[in-house]
């Protein structure tokens, strides 16, 4: 908010609008969705006034993600479609991949894993081009692993998970590492390796707790499916005991266990 005030104090309304975009994203990350939406709407109007097409595209992307997080799926889908068209018109491939990643999550949340995979596959076709960082590469592959599991393609999911884990570790993205390891745990459980899966889940749970992170839509789906698979073969007491064993693992131990699958 200070940056916005400073820009306004020197009469730089364009700079203030760009600062509002960052403020809106920060509010979104804090879970203050209503405030994020209001701030983003202000930024969008100002950036349109200044003819900042790149800023407008980013606002549309953020607002689309914000809306579907709030449960307004149709509104979120419409805003993301506008963002996609805006980024394509600008020739901004990095922006296009970011929108496709968000659309994939929206499709998956809406119960359409095949369409979700199509979105992330298109994003992955661009991921070797300049400007795409390791975090995005990890996100697309991590989410793609979940989509493939939902479609019953466990071999494809394993490949995506391995690649996603490699990029997540390269970027030192602890949240992403935990998410990908949970996908590995689900793969293990579905393949009958339930004890290893329970241990790995124990490690993931501790990491997410320490980071103060609540599972997002795709990871919540994976967690529920994983727990259901574990409960088919293990008692609650066994799941808890195995989870405590995994909870004290180092990252290297968890990764080594995951890559066995």
Foldseek 3Di string as FASTA:
>chain_A
DVQLVVCVVVPNLLSNLLVLLVVLVVCVVVVVLVVSLVSLVVSLVSCVVVVVLVSNLSSLLSNLLSCVLVVNLVSSVVSLVVSLVSCVVVVNLVSNLSSLQSVLVSCVLVVHLVSSLVSLVVSVVCCVDPPRALQSLLSSLLLNLLSCVVVVNNVSSLVSLVRSCVSCVVVVPLLSNLSSLLSLLLSCLVVPVLLLSLLLPLCSVLSCVVVVHDDDDSSVVSVVSNVVSNVVPDDPVSSVVSSVNSNPDDSVVSVVSSNVD
